[in-house]
Amino acid sequence: MSTTSPDLSGVEWLKSSHSGNGGGSCVEWPPSLEIVGVIPVRDSKRPQGPVLTVPKAAWPAFTGAIRGGGLPAG
């Protein structure tokens, strides 16, 4: 995984339906963005903050680890 990404200015981001309205963990991604091989994600509470790019091949393991509590919150 990488913390570098292509220019994402002007991209429309979609908040995860699992984020809820309670102000908790808010993850979003640009579903219409065509980036070969990676999925960019960011914290919706910090839209100017860093973007994490996850390789598409690693996405199922990444999201599974999040669902299973295998990644520390921070």
PDB file of N, CA and C in Angstrom:
ATOM      1  N   MET A   1       0.826  -1.170   0.000  1.00  0.00           N
ATOM      2  CA  MET A   1       0.000   0.000   0.000  1.00  0.00           C
ATOM      3  C   MET A   1       0.875   1.240   0.000  1.00  0.00           C
ATOM      4  N   SER A   2       0.300   2.302  -0.469  1.00  0.00           N
ATOM      5  CA  SER A   2       1.071   3.527  -0.640  1.00  0.00           C
ATOM      6  C   SER A   2       0.282   4.720  -0.118  1.00  0.00           C
ATOM      7  N   THR A   3       0.981   5.759   0.283  1.00  0.00           N
ATOM      8  CA  THR A   3       0.307   6.997   0.677  1.00  0.00           C
ATOM      9  C   THR A   3       0.423   8.041  -0.417  1.00  0.00           C
ATOM     10  N   THR A   4       0.979   7.699  -1.558  1.00  0.00           N
ATOM     11  CA  THR A   4       1.040   8.616  -2.683  1.00  0.00           C
ATOM     12  C   THR A   4      -0.088   8.273  -3.645  1.00  0.00           C
ATOM     13  N   SER A   5      -0.560   9.267  -4.378  1.00  0.00           N
ATOM     14  CA  SER A   5      -1.645   9.022  -5.311  1.00  0.00           C
ATOM     15  C   SER A   5      -1.585  10.026  -6.444  1.00  0.00           C
ATOM     16  N   PRO A   6      -2.327   9.741  -7.512  1.00  0.00           N
ATOM     17  CA  PRO A   6      -2.419  10.702  -8.613  1.00  0.00           C
ATOM     18  C   PRO A   6      -3.217  11.918  -8.179  1.00  0.00           C
ATOM     19  N   ASP A   7      -3.288  12.936  -9.036  1.00  0.00           N
ATOM     20  CA  ASP A   7      -4.038  14.153  -8.743  1.00  0.00           C
ATOM     21  C   ASP A   7      -5.518  13.803  -8.594  1.00  0.00           C
ATOM     22  N   LEU A   8      -6.061  14.038  -7.418  1.00  0.00           N
ATOM     23  CA  LEU A   8      -7.457  13.706  -7.146  1.00  0.00           C
ATOM     24  C   LEU A   8      -8.310  14.952  -6.944  1.00  0.00           C
ATOM     25  N   SER A   9      -7.745  16.121  -7.306  1.00  0.00           N
ATOM     26  CA  SER A   9      -8.521  17.357  -7.172  1.00  0.00           C
ATOM     27  C   SER A   9      -9.701  17.316  -8.140  1.00  0.00           C
ATOM     28  N   GLY A  10     -10.826  17.772  -7.681  1.00  0.00           N
ATOM     29  CA  GLY A  10     -12.017  17.791  -8.520  1.00  0.00           C
ATOM     30  C   GLY A  10     -12.755  16.471  -8.599  1.00  0.00           C
ATOM     31  N   VAL A  11     -12.270  15.459  -7.899  1.00  0.00           N
ATOM     32  CA  VAL A  11     -12.902  14.144  -7.911  1.00  0.00           C
ATOM     33  C   VAL A  11     -14.052  14.137  -6.911  1.00  0.00           C
ATOM     34  N   GLU A  12     -15.172  13.506  -7.278  1.00  0.00           N
ATOM     35  CA  GLU A  12     -16.284  13.362  -6.343  1.00  0.00           C
ATOM     36  C   GLU A  12     -16.074  12.094  -5.527  1.00  0.00           C
ATOM     37  N   TRP A  13     -16.086  12.253  -4.213  1.00  0.00           N
ATOM     38  CA  TRP A  13     -15.858  11.144  -3.288  1.00  0.00           C
ATOM     39  C   TRP A  13     -17.188  10.651  -2.748  1.00  0.00           C
ATOM     40  N   LEU A  14     -17.292   9.352  -2.487  1.00  0.00           N
ATOM     41  CA  LEU A  14     -18.484   8.720  -1.946  1.00  0.00           C
ATOM     42  C   LEU A  14     -18.157   8.159  -0.573  1.00  0.00           C
ATOM     43  N   LYS A  15     -18.965   8.517   0.433  1.00  0.00           N
ATOM     44  CA  LYS A  15     -18.740   8.016   1.789  1.00  0.00           C
ATOM     45  C   LYS A  15     -19.292   6.601   1.905  1.00  0.00           C
ATOM     46  N   SER A  16     -18.581   5.760   2.609  1.00  0.00           N
ATOM     47  CA  SER A  16     -19.014   4.390   2.841  1.00  0.00           C
ATOM     48  C   SER A  16     -20.344   4.371   3.576  1.00  0.00           C
ATOM     49  N   SER A  17     -21.221   3.459   3.177  1.00  0.00           N
ATOM     50  CA  SER A  17     -22.508   3.318   3.857  1.00  0.00           C
ATOM     51  C   SER A  17     -22.322   2.816   5.284  1.00  0.00           C
ATOM     52  N   HIS A  18     -21.168   2.238   5.583  1.00  0.00           N
ATOM     53  CA  HIS A  18     -20.879   1.743   6.930  1.00  0.00           C
ATOM     54  C   HIS A  18     -20.389   2.854   7.854  1.00  0.00           C
ATOM     55  N   SER A  19     -20.158   4.052   7.329  1.00  0.00           N
ATOM     56  CA  SER A  19     -19.651   5.145   8.153  1.00  0.00           C
ATOM     57  C   SER A  19     -20.717   5.694   9.093  1.00  0.00           C
ATOM     58  N   GLY A  20     -21.967   5.648   8.691  1.00  0.00           N
ATOM     59  CA  GLY A  20     -23.050   6.123   9.543  1.00  0.00           C
ATOM     60  C   GLY A  20     -23.048   7.635   9.708  1.00  0.00           C
ATOM     61  N   ASN A  21     -23.954   8.115  10.517  1.00  0.00           N
ATOM     62  CA  ASN A  21     -24.090   9.555  10.739  1.00  0.00           C
ATOM     63  C   ASN A  21     -23.562   9.983  12.100  1.00  0.00           C
ATOM     64  N   GLY A  22     -22.950   9.083  12.845  1.00  0.00           N
ATOM     65  CA  GLY A  22     -22.493   9.395  14.186  1.00  0.00           C
ATOM     66  C   GLY A  22     -21.137  10.058  14.248  1.00  0.00           C
ATOM     67  N   GLY A  23     -20.527  10.346  13.107  1.00  0.00           N
ATOM     68  CA  GLY A  23     -19.237  11.018  13.099  1.00  0.00           C
ATOM     69  C   GLY A  23     -18.069  10.094  13.407  1.00  0.00           C
ATOM     70  N   GLY A  24     -18.295   8.804  13.335  1.00  0.00           N
ATOM     71  CA  GLY A  24     -17.246   7.837  13.636  1.00  0.00           C
ATOM     72  C   GLY A  24     -16.294   7.655  12.471  1.00  0.00           C
ATOM     73  N   SER A  25     -15.950   6.435  12.207  1.00  0.00           N
ATOM     74  CA  SER A  25     -15.014   6.108  11.128  1.00  0.00           C
ATOM     75  C   SER A  25     -15.657   6.419   9.790  1.00  0.00           C
ATOM     76  N   CYS A  26     -15.162   7.400   9.109  1.00  0.00           N
ATOM     77  CA  CYS A  26     -15.735   7.838   7.836  1.00  0.00           C
ATOM     78  C   CYS A  26     -14.715   7.653   6.719  1.00  0.00           C
ATOM     79  N   VAL A  27     -14.918   6.616   5.963  1.00  0.00           N
ATOM     80  CA  VAL A  27     -14.024   6.303   4.851  1.00  0.00           C
ATOM     81  C   VAL A  27     -14.761   6.603   3.566  1.00  0.00           C
ATOM     82  N   GLU A  28     -14.061   7.203   2.604  1.00  0.00           N
ATOM     83  CA  GLU A  28     -14.679   7.468   1.311  1.00  0.00           C
ATOM     84  C   GLU A  28     -13.702   7.201   0.180  1.00  0.00           C
ATOM     85  N   TRP A  29     -14.240   7.018  -1.012  1.00  0.00           N
ATOM     86  CA  TRP A  29     -13.453   6.729  -2.200  1.00  0.00           C
ATOM     87  C   TRP A  29     -14.163   7.323  -3.411  1.00  0.00           C
ATOM     88  N   PRO A  30     -13.432   7.543  -4.500  1.00  0.00           N
ATOM     89  CA  PRO A  30     -14.032   8.076  -5.722  1.00  0.00           C
ATOM     90  C   PRO A  30     -14.447   6.937  -6.657  1.00  0.00           C
ATOM     91  N   PRO A  31     -15.725   6.504  -6.615  1.00  0.00           N
ATOM     92  CA  PRO A  31     -16.148   5.339  -7.396  1.00  0.00           C
ATOM     93  C   PRO A  31     -16.050   5.505  -8.903  1.00  0.00           C
ATOM     94  N   SER A  32     -16.089   6.735  -9.402  1.00  0.00           N
ATOM     95  CA  SER A  32     -16.040   6.936 -10.849  1.00  0.00           C
ATOM     96  C   SER A  32     -14.623   7.128 -11.376  1.00  0.00           C
ATOM     97  N   LEU A  33     -13.644   7.128 -10.488  1.00  0.00           N
ATOM     98  CA  LEU A  33     -12.271   7.372 -10.901  1.00  0.00           C
ATOM     99  C   LEU A  33     -11.658   6.122 -11.528  1.00  0.00           C
ATOM    100  N   GLU A  34     -11.052   6.283 -12.663  1.00  0.00           N
ATOM    101  CA  GLU A  34     -10.383   5.180 -13.343  1.00  0.00           C
ATOM    102  C   GLU A  34      -8.891   5.260 -13.091  1.00  0.00           C
ATOM    103  N   ILE A  35      -8.408   4.504 -12.127  1.00  0.00           N
ATOM    104  CA  ILE A  35      -6.973   4.409 -11.863  1.00  0.00           C
ATOM    105  C   ILE A  35      -6.607   2.946 -12.012  1.00  0.00           C
ATOM    106  N   VAL A  36      -5.706   2.669 -12.899  1.00  0.00           N
ATOM    107  CA  VAL A  36      -5.316   1.295 -13.163  1.00  0.00           C
ATOM    108  C   VAL A  36      -4.583   0.716 -11.957  1.00  0.00           C
ATOM    109  N   GLY A  37      -5.146  -0.346 -11.403  1.00  0.00           N
ATOM    110  CA  GLY A  37      -4.448  -1.105 -10.384  1.00  0.00           C
ATOM    111  C   GLY A  37      -4.570  -0.657  -8.944  1.00  0.00           C
ATOM    112  N   VAL A  38      -5.198   0.500  -8.656  1.00  0.00           N
ATOM    113  CA  VAL A  38      -5.305   0.945  -7.264  1.00  0.00           C
ATOM    114  C   VAL A  38      -6.693   1.506  -6.956  1.00  0.00           C
ATOM    115  N   ILE A  39      -7.041   1.473  -5.670  1.00  0.00           N
ATOM    116  CA  ILE A  39      -8.268   2.089  -5.176  1.00  0.00           C
ATOM    117  C   ILE A  39      -7.870   3.121  -4.131  1.00  0.00           C
ATOM    118  N   PRO A  40      -8.116   4.419  -4.389  1.00  0.00           N
ATOM    119  CA  PRO A  40      -7.776   5.446  -3.404  1.00  0.00           C
ATOM    120  C   PRO A  40      -8.871   5.550  -2.336  1.00  0.00           C
ATOM    121  N   VAL A  41      -8.472   5.715  -1.089  1.00  0.00           N
ATOM    122  CA  VAL A  41      -9.402   5.923   0.021  1.00  0.00           C
ATOM    123  C   VAL A  41      -8.867   7.048   0.901  1.00  0.00           C
ATOM    124  N   ARG A  42      -9.783   7.723   1.605  1.00  0.00           N
ATOM    125  CA  ARG A  42      -9.370   8.798   2.510  1.00  0.00           C
ATOM    126  C   ARG A  42     -10.357   8.882   3.671  1.00  0.00           C
ATOM    127  N   ASP A  43      -9.974   9.639   4.671  1.00  0.00           N
ATOM    128  CA  ASP A  43     -10.808   9.915   5.830  1.00  0.00           C
ATOM    129  C   ASP A  43     -11.675  11.121   5.491  1.00  0.00           C
ATOM    130  N   SER A  44     -12.993  10.956   5.499  1.00  0.00           N
ATOM    131  CA  SER A  44     -13.872  12.061   5.110  1.00  0.00           C
ATOM    132  C   SER A  44     -13.819  13.225   6.091  1.00  0.00           C
ATOM    133  N   LYS A  45     -13.373  12.976   7.308  1.00  0.00           N
ATOM    134  CA  LYS A  45     -13.250  14.059   8.280  1.00  0.00           C
ATOM    135  C   LYS A  45     -12.019  14.910   8.009  1.00  0.00           C
ATOM    136  N   ARG A  46     -11.090  14.410   7.168  1.00  0.00           N
ATOM    137  CA  ARG A  46      -9.872  15.141   6.813  1.00  0.00           C
ATOM    138  C   ARG A  46      -9.691  15.108   5.297  1.00  0.00           C
ATOM    139  N   PRO A  47     -10.593  15.746   4.539  1.00  0.00           N
ATOM    140  CA  PRO A  47     -10.531  15.656   3.077  1.00  0.00           C
ATOM    141  C   PRO A  47      -9.250  16.205   2.460  1.00  0.00           C
ATOM    142  N   GLN A  48      -8.564  17.088   3.167  1.00  0.00           N
ATOM    143  CA  GLN A  48      -7.290  17.605   2.646  1.00  0.00           C
ATOM    144  C   GLN A  48      -6.110  16.776   3.135  1.00  0.00           C
ATOM    145  N   GLY A  49      -6.390  15.758   3.926  1.00  0.00           N
ATOM    146  CA  GLY A  49      -5.342  14.898   4.470  1.00  0.00           C
ATOM    147  C   GLY A  49      -4.847  13.905   3.436  1.00  0.00           C
ATOM    148  N   PRO A  50      -4.057  12.938   3.877  1.00  0.00           N
ATOM    149  CA  PRO A  50      -3.462  11.977   2.955  1.00  0.00           C
ATOM    150  C   PRO A  50      -4.493  11.025   2.349  1.00  0.00           C
ATOM    151  N   VAL A  51      -4.156  10.494   1.193  1.00  0.00           N
ATOM    152  CA  VAL A  51      -4.963   9.491   0.502  1.00  0.00           C
ATOM    153  C   VAL A  51      -4.151   8.206   0.477  1.00  0.00           C
ATOM    154  N   LEU A  52      -4.790   7.132   0.848  1.00  0.00           N
ATOM    155  CA  LEU A  52      -4.160   5.822   0.817  1.00  0.00           C
ATOM    156  C   LEU A  52      -4.577   5.135  -0.473  1.00  0.00           C
ATOM    157  N   THR A  53      -3.638   4.630  -1.244  1.00  0.00           N
ATOM    158  CA  THR A  53      -3.982   3.889  -2.449  1.00  0.00           C
ATOM    159  C   THR A  53      -3.705   2.413  -2.183  1.00  0.00           C
ATOM    160  N   VAL A  54      -4.748   1.607  -2.341  1.00  0.00           N
ATOM    161  CA  VAL A  54      -4.669   0.178  -2.081  1.00  0.00           C
ATOM    162  C   VAL A  54      -4.671  -0.550  -3.425  1.00  0.00           C
ATOM    163  N   PRO A  55      -3.713  -1.442  -3.666  1.00  0.00           N
ATOM    164  CA  PRO A  55      -3.740  -2.216  -4.910  1.00  0.00           C
ATOM    165  C   PRO A  55      -5.048  -3.005  -5.014  1.00  0.00           C
ATOM    166  N   LYS A  56      -5.656  -3.009  -6.212  1.00  0.00           N
ATOM    167  CA  LYS A  56      -6.925  -3.709  -6.397  1.00  0.00           C
ATOM    168  C   LYS A  56      -6.833  -5.166  -5.958  1.00  0.00           C
ATOM    169  N   ALA A  57      -5.715  -5.805  -6.202  1.00  0.00           N
ATOM    170  CA  ALA A  57      -5.547  -7.212  -5.819  1.00  0.00           C
ATOM    171  C   ALA A  57      -5.576  -7.391  -4.303  1.00  0.00           C
ATOM    172  N   ALA A  58      -5.183  -6.349  -3.551  1.00  0.00           N
ATOM    173  CA  ALA A  58      -5.150  -6.426  -2.091  1.00  0.00           C
ATOM    174  C   ALA A  58      -6.441  -5.934  -1.450  1.00  0.00           C
ATOM    175  N   TRP A  59      -7.368  -5.372  -2.229  1.00  0.00           N
ATOM    176  CA  TRP A  59      -8.580  -4.780  -1.679  1.00  0.00           C
ATOM    177  C   TRP A  59      -9.408  -5.755  -0.835  1.00  0.00           C
ATOM    178  N   PRO A  60      -9.673  -6.982  -1.303  1.00  0.00           N
ATOM    179  CA  PRO A  60     -10.461  -7.906  -0.473  1.00  0.00           C
ATOM    180  C   PRO A  60      -9.805  -8.191   0.888  1.00  0.00           C
ATOM    181  N   ALA A  61      -8.506  -8.374   0.925  1.00  0.00           N
ATOM    182  CA  ALA A  61      -7.817  -8.614   2.197  1.00  0.00           C
ATOM    183  C   ALA A  61      -7.852  -7.363   3.067  1.00  0.00           C
ATOM    184  N   PHE A  62      -7.687  -6.201   2.462  1.00  0.00           N
ATOM    185  CA  PHE A  62      -7.706  -4.928   3.192  1.00  0.00           C
ATOM    186  C   PHE A  62      -9.068  -4.703   3.851  1.00  0.00           C
ATOM    187  N   THR A  63     -10.148  -4.817   3.066  1.00  0.00           N
ATOM    188  CA  THR A  63     -11.480  -4.589   3.622  1.00  0.00           C
ATOM    189  C   THR A  63     -11.855  -5.693   4.608  1.00  0.00           C
ATOM    190  N   GLY A  64     -11.409  -6.913   4.368  1.00  0.00           N
ATOM    191  CA  GLY A  64     -11.666  -7.996   5.313  1.00  0.00           C
ATOM    192  C   GLY A  64     -10.989  -7.755   6.650  1.00  0.00           C
ATOM    193  N   ALA A  65      -9.775  -7.231   6.618  1.00  0.00           N
ATOM    194  CA  ALA A  65      -9.054  -6.928   7.856  1.00  0.00           C
ATOM    195  C   ALA A  65      -9.751  -5.811   8.624  1.00  0.00           C
ATOM    196  N   ILE A  66     -10.285  -4.835   7.906  1.00  0.00           N
ATOM    197  CA  ILE A  66     -11.014  -3.741   8.561  1.00  0.00           C
ATOM    198  C   ILE A  66     -12.286  -4.281   9.211  1.00  0.00           C
ATOM    199  N   ARG A  67     -13.045  -5.078   8.462  1.00  0.00           N
ATOM    200  CA  ARG A  67     -14.291  -5.639   9.008  1.00  0.00           C
ATOM    201  C   ARG A  67     -14.030  -6.524  10.220  1.00  0.00           C
ATOM    202  N   GLY A  68     -12.919  -7.251  10.180  1.00  0.00           N
ATOM    203  CA  GLY A  68     -12.601  -8.169  11.257  1.00  0.00           C
ATOM    204  C   GLY A  68     -11.878  -7.539  12.431  1.00  0.00           C
ATOM    205  N   GLY A  69     -11.625  -6.233  12.354  1.00  0.00           N
ATOM    206  CA  GLY A  69     -10.930  -5.547  13.434  1.00  0.00           C
ATOM    207  C   GLY A  69      -9.434  -5.804  13.449  1.00  0.00           C
ATOM    208  N   GLY A  70      -8.883  -6.234  12.314  1.00  0.00           N
ATOM    209  CA  GLY A  70      -7.472  -6.555  12.237  1.00  0.00           C
ATOM    210  C   GLY A  70      -6.538  -5.383  12.009  1.00  0.00           C
ATOM    211  N   LEU A  71      -7.096  -4.186  11.797  1.00  0.00           N
ATOM    212  CA  LEU A  71      -6.283  -2.993  11.614  1.00  0.00           C
ATOM    213  C   LEU A  71      -6.559  -2.045  12.770  1.00  0.00           C
ATOM    214  N   PRO A  72      -5.508  -1.455  13.329  1.00  0.00           N
ATOM    215  CA  PRO A  72      -5.724  -0.536  14.454  1.00  0.00           C
ATOM    216  C   PRO A  72      -6.380   0.756  13.990  1.00  0.00           C
ATOM    217  N   ALA A  73      -7.252   1.299  14.810  1.00  0.00           N
ATOM    218  CA  ALA A  73      -7.857   2.599  14.519  1.00  0.00           C
ATOM    219  C   ALA A  73      -6.856   3.683  14.830  1.00  0.00           C
ATOM    220  N   GLY A  74      -6.941   4.754  14.127  1.00  0.00           N
ATOM    221  CA  GLY A  74      -5.990   5.799  14.443  1.00  0.00           C
ATOM    222  C   GLY A  74      -6.157   6.942  13.609  1.00  0.00           C
TER     223      GLY A  74
END
